[in-house]
């Protein structure tokens, strides 16, 4: 892997070592002898890949000369005040220089493939190609530059893809030079890839090249040897979240925590792109539905999105202190009670309950109860916000009136910082928190892939996504009935905002109606989908892209039998066998279920084995093998 060098990160995340390949060492030495600083080592992450890191600051004295080289190569000029674009030029020039030295050393034995990600790395690709360096190149855009800007500006993006004046839009946002770099990299690459079908459509309009391959984002899936280990982790981490809720809602804890569901949304604070606007409106409607149906279910919703704050707010910290004090009081009284009960039983007497606790114990308990009284609502945010009056989430909470009142069945907790296990409020890291929740809600408008619902799936937690996210499209393509596997897909592409909002509300309300047993069955199904997201499968698309790049850059040496990728040919994940064929039979007509109800149609082992058989060969990179017959549920998209 190749990237920019930052001293602090290098010291804490990289183990320095010598390059094992002599050609790489010679190429690095050539740059170092010409006044550049290049570092080599193992990056201390899973897989421990080798990294070559170029010091951008140490090579900045070449910036003006390299700007001239870029202009001569492709007539793109960079303004002096755009630090990020200038850094990407320095980095790209160093990378192209390195590849020139490396290919001179190797002399086509073996050939080199370079895979560039995003426009910041694309300059190296443009310069390598303009200098005719013998290199197979792949360029991946995870999201188009202009797509991000247009969606952040609340443009009706997907309905107007073919109507935008691209050059004008980029110019008005003062990113025309960046857009040119991105587009040049796309058109110079032997193979152009993107992460999802929805981004492929966008790239075709924004960058005027149809991606050759779609390379979905995967995860390193670690399976537990015990089938139910992830369910145990859910239970453990849910208990931690319940402890936080006991403190945060002290004095207003008139709801049953055993019938409380935890929903969450997490990610960058892009209010409309991430769908927080749609989510808040849906929560208002869900609150109304739960109240009208007199449901005993309470929903606590967490917004985990980093915003500008100056510290934890006092009320939140006080809540946790009150909870801890109450716990300590209960423990001390329990100790006394237990000791006296033990001594009484030793004497062969049934203790007199009115005498087993003395007056002091009752006084302590009464003081503890009075300490939990509060005259204000529990806070909707855990921190003091710097832009409280203009913050979009808080402004919308004020609009819909969800202030954690006693009558509200939906409670909101806005945590404007990423989670940390060292936090005094909610001491959990992100993975623990996700495992403890019941549903992740990510109704994004602009989400080229969407790792957050993917992470939920791998951990066996159901999630809501949309058909405008790469993940949602991928699941629609591969799973026959995603909602039965705990993947709820909101239609934001072909429905109005109000219809999408109603659909999301209905998904959440249906989820609230499930019994505990139904949720456990659903989590088992969700977790079994994790094989679909494993790099062991999705890595094939990257390999295909590299082979395609070799065949295009060195046609004399490498041949591809087929150039068209068929991502889902002959494969579609079936509906779970235990699900009734009619949607009306899948849920009871009343919101109340018995936790003891028994579902005779569900045999977990049998269903898991059927799923495992179906997932063995989900992707074919070429033509479908002869003689393969389609199953009834398969769909040759």
Foldseek 3Di string as FASTA:
>chain_A
DEEADDPVCCVVFWDFDADPDPLLNQLQVVVVVVFWDWTWTFGPDVPRDIYIHTHLVRQLVCQVVLQVVLCVQPNFHDDPPPVLQSSLSSRLVSLLSSLQSSCVSCVVVDAAEEEAEALSPLSVLSSNLSVVRLYQYEYEYAAQPLRVVCVLVVDPPPVCLQPDPQQVSCVVVVNNSSLVSRLSSQVSHLFYEYAFPLRQVNCCSNNVDRGLFHQHAFDAFDDDPDLCPLVVLLVVLLVLVVLLVCLLFQQLPPADSVQEAEEEEEDEPSCAQQPVLLVLVLLLVLQVVCLVQVPSHAYEYEYAYAADFDWFDPSSLRSSVLSVLLVVLVVVQVVQLVVLCVVCVVVVHRDDVVPSDDPVNVVSNVVSSVSRHDDDGRQQERGHHPPQPPPVNNVSCVVSVQGNDSSGSYHHYYYNHAADLPDSNRNDHPLSNLSNGQEYEGAGPAAAADVVCLSSLQSLHAYEYECSHRPLVVQVQAALDVVQLRYHYQYPPPDPSVNSSVSVSVSVLQVSLDAPVSSVLSSSSSNLCSVVRHCVPSVVSVVLSSLSSCCSSPVVVGDDPDSHFQFAAQAHQYDQQLADPDPCVRGDPRSDDDNPDDRVSDDPVVRSVVRVVRPPDRGDGDDDDPPDDHDPSGDRD
